[in-house]
C-alpha atoms as a PDB file:
ATOM      1  CA  VAL A   1     -32.659  20.116  16.786  1.00  0.00           C
ATOM      2  CA  PRO A   2     -30.525  17.066  17.623  1.00  0.00           C
ATOM      3  CA  HIS A   3     -29.246  16.951  21.149  1.00  0.00           C
ATOM      4  CA  THR A   4     -25.465  16.793  21.585  1.00  0.00           C
ATOM      5  CA  ALA A   5     -24.070  15.626  24.889  1.00  0.00           C
ATOM      6  CA  LEU A   6     -22.092  18.361  26.530  1.00  0.00           C
ATOM      7  CA  CYS A   7     -19.956  17.872  29.572  1.00  0.00           C
ATOM      8  CA  GLY A   8     -18.563  20.690  31.577  1.00  0.00           C
ATOM      9  CA  VAL A   9     -15.593  21.201  33.782  1.00  0.00           C
ATOM     10  CA  GLY A  10     -15.728  24.590  35.371  1.00  0.00           C
ATOM     11  CA  ASP A  11     -16.490  27.048  32.605  1.00  0.00           C
ATOM     12  CA  PHE A  12     -15.158  24.669  29.877  1.00  0.00           C
ATOM     13  CA  TYR A  13     -17.691  22.599  27.904  1.00  0.00           C
ATOM     14  CA  TYR A  14     -16.795  19.958  25.341  1.00  0.00           C
ATOM     15  CA  ASN A  15     -18.667  17.714  22.943  1.00  0.00           C
ATOM     16  CA  THR A  16     -18.341  14.087  24.200  1.00  0.00           C
ATOM     17  CA  PRO A  17     -18.744  12.362  20.769  1.00  0.00           C
ATOM     18  CA  ALA A  18     -16.153  14.698  19.235  1.00  0.00           C
ATOM     19  CA  VAL A  19     -13.671  13.951  22.025  1.00  0.00           C
ATOM     20  CA  LEU A  20     -14.164  10.193  21.615  1.00  0.00           C
ATOM     21  CA  LYS A  21     -13.710  10.525  17.852  1.00  0.00           C
ATOM     22  CA  THR A  22     -10.457  12.459  18.396  1.00  0.00           C
ATOM     23  CA  ILE A  23      -9.176   9.823  20.837  1.00  0.00           C
ATOM     24  CA  LEU A  24     -10.002   7.058  18.334  1.00  0.00           C
ATOM     25  CA  ILE A  25      -8.181   8.887  15.529  1.00  0.00           C
ATOM     26  CA  ILE A  26      -5.102   9.380  17.747  1.00  0.00           C
ATOM     27  CA  PHE A  27      -5.161   5.673  18.692  1.00  0.00           C
ATOM     28  CA  ILE A  28      -5.417   4.586  15.026  1.00  0.00           C
ATOM     29  CA  LEU A  29      -2.539   6.919  14.076  1.00  0.00           C
ATOM     30  CA  PHE A  30      -0.434   5.479  16.908  1.00  0.00           C
ATOM     31  CA  ILE A  31      -1.051   1.889  15.725  1.00  0.00           C
ATOM     32  CA  LEU A  32      -0.331   2.861  12.113  1.00  0.00           C
ATOM     33  CA  GLY A  33       2.902   4.557  13.166  1.00  0.00           C
ATOM     34  CA  PHE A  34       3.996   1.474  15.119  1.00  0.00           C
ATOM     35  CA  VAL A  35       3.293  -0.825  12.142  1.00  0.00           C
ATOM     36  CA  LEU A  36       5.185   1.463   9.752  1.00  0.00           C
ATOM     37  CA  TYR A  37       8.131   1.763  12.157  1.00  0.00           C
ATOM     38  CA  THR A  38       8.328  -2.028  12.544  1.00  0.00           C
ATOM     39  CA  ALA A  39       8.259  -2.499   8.759  1.00  0.00           C
ATOM     40  CA  TYR A  40      10.954   0.180   8.374  1.00  0.00           C
ATOM     41  CA  VAL A  41      13.250  -1.503  10.926  1.00  0.00           C
ATOM     42  CA  ARG A  42      12.787  -4.879   9.236  1.00  0.00           C
ATOM     43  CA  GLU A  43      13.610  -3.337   5.854  1.00  0.00           C
ATOM     44  CA  ILE A  44      16.723  -1.617   7.171  1.00  0.00           C
ATOM     45  CA  LYS A  45      17.856  -4.527   9.370  1.00  0.00           C
ATOM     46  CA  PRO A  46      16.000  -7.545   7.997  1.00  0.00           C
ATOM     47  CA  ILE A  47      17.971 -10.016  10.072  1.00  0.00           C
ATOM     48  CA  SER A  48      16.573  -8.389  13.223  1.00  0.00           C
ATOM     49  CA  ALA A  49      13.386 -10.362  12.538  1.00  0.00           C
ATOM     50  CA  TYR A  50      15.161 -13.744  12.597  1.00  0.00           C
ATOM     51  CA  GLU A  51      14.950 -16.218  15.461  1.00  0.00           C
ATOM     52  CA  THR A  52      18.311 -16.950  17.107  1.00  0.00           C
ATOM     53  CA  LYS A  53      19.610 -20.144  18.645  1.00  0.00           C
ATOM     54  CA  THR A  54      22.825 -21.623  19.957  1.00  0.00           C
ATOM     55  CA  LEU A  55      24.447 -24.245  17.770  1.00  0.00           C
ATOM     56  CA  HIS A  56      27.169 -26.652  18.888  1.00  0.00           C
ATOM     57  CA  ILE A  57      29.588 -27.820  16.207  1.00  0.00           C
ATOM     58  CA  GLY A  58      32.236 -30.180  17.537  1.00  0.00           C
ATOM     59  CA  ASN A  59      33.506 -28.406  20.671  1.00  0.00           C
ATOM     60  CA  ALA A  60      32.572 -24.926  19.445  1.00  0.00           C
ATOM     61  CA  GLU A  61      29.512 -22.861  20.294  1.00  0.00           C
ATOM     62  CA  LEU A  62      27.905 -20.560  17.756  1.00  0.00           C
ATOM     63  CA  GLU A  63      25.032 -18.070  18.021  1.00  0.00           C
ATOM     64  CA  VAL A  64      23.084 -18.270  14.767  1.00  0.00           C
ATOM     65  CA  LEU A  65      20.214 -16.527  13.062  1.00  0.00           C
ATOM     66  CA  VAL A  66      17.781 -19.142  11.772  1.00  0.00           C
ATOM     67  CA  ALA A  67      16.884 -18.936   8.069  1.00  0.00           C
ATOM     68  CA  ASP A  68      14.032 -21.436   7.934  1.00  0.00           C
ATOM     69  CA  THR A  69      11.753 -19.966   5.266  1.00  0.00           C
ATOM     70  CA  GLU A  70      12.304 -19.549   1.537  1.00  0.00           C
ATOM     71  CA  GLU A  71      12.431 -15.759   1.916  1.00  0.00           C
ATOM     72  CA  LYS A  72      14.994 -15.875   4.738  1.00  0.00           C
ATOM     73  CA  ARG A  73      17.128 -18.480   2.956  1.00  0.00           C
ATOM     74  CA  THR A  74      17.090 -16.397  -0.248  1.00  0.00           C
ATOM     75  CA  ARG A  75      18.173 -13.207   1.558  1.00  0.00           C
ATOM     76  CA  GLY A  76      20.721 -14.945   3.788  1.00  0.00           C
ATOM     77  CA  LEU A  77      23.526 -12.620   4.821  1.00  0.00           C
ATOM     78  CA  MET A  78      23.275 -10.414   1.732  1.00  0.00           C
ATOM     79  CA  ASP A  79      24.181  -6.789   2.458  1.00  0.00           C
ATOM     80  CA  VAL A  80      25.412  -7.631   5.976  1.00  0.00           C
ATOM     81  CA  THR A  81      28.586  -5.657   6.674  1.00  0.00           C
ATOM     82  CA  GLU A  82      29.774  -7.532   9.763  1.00  0.00           C
ATOM     83  CA  LEU A  83      29.086 -10.529  11.974  1.00  0.00           C
ATOM     84  CA  ALA A  84      29.923 -10.651  15.654  1.00  0.00           C
ATOM     85  CA  ALA A  85      32.553 -13.178  16.707  1.00  0.00           C
ATOM     86  CA  ASP A  86      31.118 -16.688  17.156  1.00  0.00           C
ATOM     87  CA  SER A  87      27.936 -15.836  15.292  1.00  0.00           C
ATOM     88  CA  GLY A  88      26.480 -16.759  11.935  1.00  0.00           C
ATOM     89  CA  MET A  89      23.395 -18.002  10.157  1.00  0.00           C
ATOM     90  CA  ILE A  90      21.980 -21.500   9.856  1.00  0.00           C
ATOM     91  CA  PHE A  91      19.992 -22.324   6.734  1.00  0.00           C
ATOM     92  CA  VAL A  92      17.421 -24.987   7.571  1.00  0.00           C
ATOM     93  CA  PHE A  93      15.952 -26.809   4.578  1.00  0.00           C
ATOM     94  CA  PRO A  94      12.794 -28.951   4.557  1.00  0.00           C
ATOM     95  CA  ASP A  95      14.629 -31.812   2.812  1.00  0.00           C
ATOM     96  CA  SER A  96      18.089 -33.103   2.078  1.00  0.00           C
ATOM     97  CA  SER A  97      19.421 -32.129  -1.340  1.00  0.00           C
ATOM     98  CA  THR A  98      22.533 -30.831  -3.072  1.00  0.00           C
ATOM     99  CA  ARG A  99      22.695 -27.073  -2.402  1.00  0.00           C
ATOM    100  CA  THR A 100      24.581 -24.272  -4.118  1.00  0.00           C
ATOM    101  CA  PHE A 101      25.494 -21.053  -2.316  1.00  0.00           C
ATOM    102  CA  TRP A 102      26.765 -17.890  -3.974  1.00  0.00           C
ATOM    103  CA  ASN A 103      28.281 -14.570  -2.984  1.00  0.00           C
ATOM    104  CA  LYS A 104      25.789 -12.211  -4.654  1.00  0.00           C
ATOM    105  CA  ASN A 105      25.641  -9.050  -2.509  1.00  0.00           C
ATOM    106  CA  THR A 106      27.752 -10.816   0.130  1.00  0.00           C
ATOM    107  CA  LEU A 107      29.862  -8.042   1.600  1.00  0.00           C
ATOM    108  CA  ILE A 108      31.932 -10.163   3.992  1.00  0.00           C
ATOM    109  CA  PRO A 109      33.941 -13.338   3.369  1.00  0.00           C
ATOM    110  CA  LEU A 110      32.361 -16.442   4.865  1.00  0.00           C
ATOM    111  CA  ASP A 111      33.064 -20.050   5.735  1.00  0.00           C
ATOM    112  CA  LEU A 112      30.291 -22.470   4.783  1.00  0.00           C
ATOM    113  CA  ILE A 113      29.678 -25.553   6.903  1.00  0.00           C
ATOM    114  CA  TRP A 114      27.694 -28.195   5.017  1.00  0.00           C
ATOM    115  CA  VAL A 115      25.605 -30.390   7.358  1.00  0.00           C
ATOM    116  CA  ALA A 116      23.706 -33.629   6.673  1.00  0.00           C
ATOM    117  CA  ASN A 117      21.798 -35.503   9.375  1.00  0.00           C
ATOM    118  CA  GLY A 118      23.531 -33.635  12.189  1.00  0.00           C
ATOM    119  CA  ARG A 119      27.118 -34.116  10.954  1.00  0.00           C
ATOM    120  CA  VAL A 120      29.551 -31.855   9.099  1.00  0.00           C
ATOM    121  CA  VAL A 121      30.032 -33.267   5.580  1.00  0.00           C
ATOM    122  CA  GLY A 122      32.172 -30.463   4.212  1.00  0.00           C
ATOM    123  CA  VAL A 123      33.448 -26.899   4.591  1.00  0.00           C
ATOM    124  CA  SER A 124      34.033 -24.242   1.944  1.00  0.00           C
ATOM    125  CA  ALA A 125      35.350 -20.696   1.805  1.00  0.00           C
ATOM    126  CA  LEU A 126      33.076 -18.155   0.109  1.00  0.00           C
ATOM    127  CA  PRO A 127      34.754 -14.847  -0.810  1.00  0.00           C
ATOM    128  CA  SER A 128      32.932 -11.550  -0.514  1.00  0.00           C
ATOM    129  CA  ILE A 129      31.699 -10.060  -3.773  1.00  0.00           C
ATOM    130  CA  HIS A 130      34.510  -7.466  -3.475  1.00  0.00           C
ATOM    131  CA  GLN A 131      37.190 -10.143  -3.072  1.00  0.00           C
ATOM    132  CA  SER A 132      35.954 -11.837  -6.252  1.00  0.00           C
ATOM    133  CA  ASN A 133      36.090  -8.543  -8.196  1.00  0.00           C
ATOM    134  CA  SER A 134      32.293  -8.440  -8.469  1.00  0.00           C
ATOM    135  CA  GLN A 135      32.236 -11.906 -10.064  1.00  0.00           C
ATOM    136  CA  ILE A 136      29.609 -14.194  -8.582  1.00  0.00           C
ATOM    137  CA  VAL A 137      31.150 -17.326  -7.104  1.00  0.00           C
ATOM    138  CA  SER A 138      28.905 -20.391  -6.647  1.00  0.00           C
ATOM    139  CA  LEU A 139      29.852 -23.256  -4.351  1.00  0.00           C
ATOM    140  CA  PRO A 140      28.015 -26.604  -4.461  1.00  0.00           C
ATOM    141  CA  SER A 141      27.653 -28.782  -1.377  1.00  0.00           C
ATOM    142  CA  PRO A 142      29.839 -31.917  -1.411  1.00  0.00           C
ATOM    143  CA  GLU A 143      26.694 -34.053  -1.037  1.00  0.00           C
ATOM    144  CA  ALA A 144      23.026 -33.711  -0.138  1.00  0.00           C
ATOM    145  CA  VAL A 145      22.609 -31.508   2.957  1.00  0.00           C
ATOM    146  CA  ASP A 146      19.706 -30.320   5.084  1.00  0.00           C
ATOM    147  CA  TRP A 147      21.531 -27.514   6.922  1.00  0.00           C
ATOM    148  CA  VAL A 148      24.197 -25.032   5.899  1.00  0.00           C
ATOM    149  CA  ALA A 149      25.914 -22.697   8.376  1.00  0.00           C
ATOM    150  CA  GLU A 150      27.548 -19.435   7.301  1.00  0.00           C
ATOM    151  CA  VAL A 151      30.169 -17.995   9.650  1.00  0.00           C
ATOM    152  CA  ASN A 152      32.950 -15.410   9.482  1.00  0.00           C
ATOM    153  CA  ALA A 153      35.851 -16.450   7.254  1.00  0.00           C
ATOM    154  CA  GLY A 154      38.486 -18.212   9.340  1.00  0.00           C
ATOM    155  CA  TRP A 155      36.043 -19.372  12.021  1.00  0.00           C
ATOM    156  CA  VAL A 156      36.127 -23.006  10.839  1.00  0.00           C
ATOM    157  CA  GLU A 157      39.920 -23.222  11.068  1.00  0.00           C
ATOM    158  CA  ALA A 158      40.107 -21.258  14.339  1.00  0.00           C
ATOM    159  CA  HIS A 159      37.668 -23.696  15.996  1.00  0.00           C
ATOM    160  CA  GLY A 160      39.024 -26.902  14.467  1.00  0.00           C
ATOM    161  CA  ILE A 161      35.781 -27.735  12.642  1.00  0.00           C
ATOM    162  CA  GLU A 162      36.161 -30.762  10.388  1.00  0.00           C
ATOM    163  CA  VAL A 163      34.181 -33.330   8.473  1.00  0.00           C
ATOM    164  CA  GLY A 164      32.459 -35.741  10.872  1.00  0.00           C
ATOM    165  CA  ASN A 165      31.874 -33.212  13.696  1.00  0.00           C
ATOM    166  CA  ILE A 166      28.441 -33.490  15.290  1.00  0.00           C
ATOM    167  CA  VAL A 167      26.151 -30.470  14.925  1.00  0.00           C
ATOM    168  CA  GLU A 168      23.340 -29.898  17.421  1.00  0.00           C
END
């Protein structure tokens, strides 16, 4: 007959291996729950997983989410229903090239700031998909760019952003 370790506290005896097994199962379930919750939050609010940084454009300051991977650049601000004042997203590309941005699933109107080598080379207004009557609008950059900033519509004018401003 195999011997099972029994421990007693008062009149209560328990099987030590069974208790350890139960604790391990609870720990594994806790870790699994945490991983699933994190994945759920990222699915519901995908931009919560983005790094943020402060960007200076001319004399203006902007808090941006950094889209520096193909996946983040592809998703962009799709399905975002609002941006806080003085916030946006910066798309960081590995090289300088002509870029085209569109309003697919873009629920808010945006200003685009086209940036090459740390300087503004152009600005464009991108309507929301609702403003364009569900027609996709594509806007090409005025020249090769390595960064593109998306901000609330009207932000560029309100902050006096213009071609030639330094971006850092």
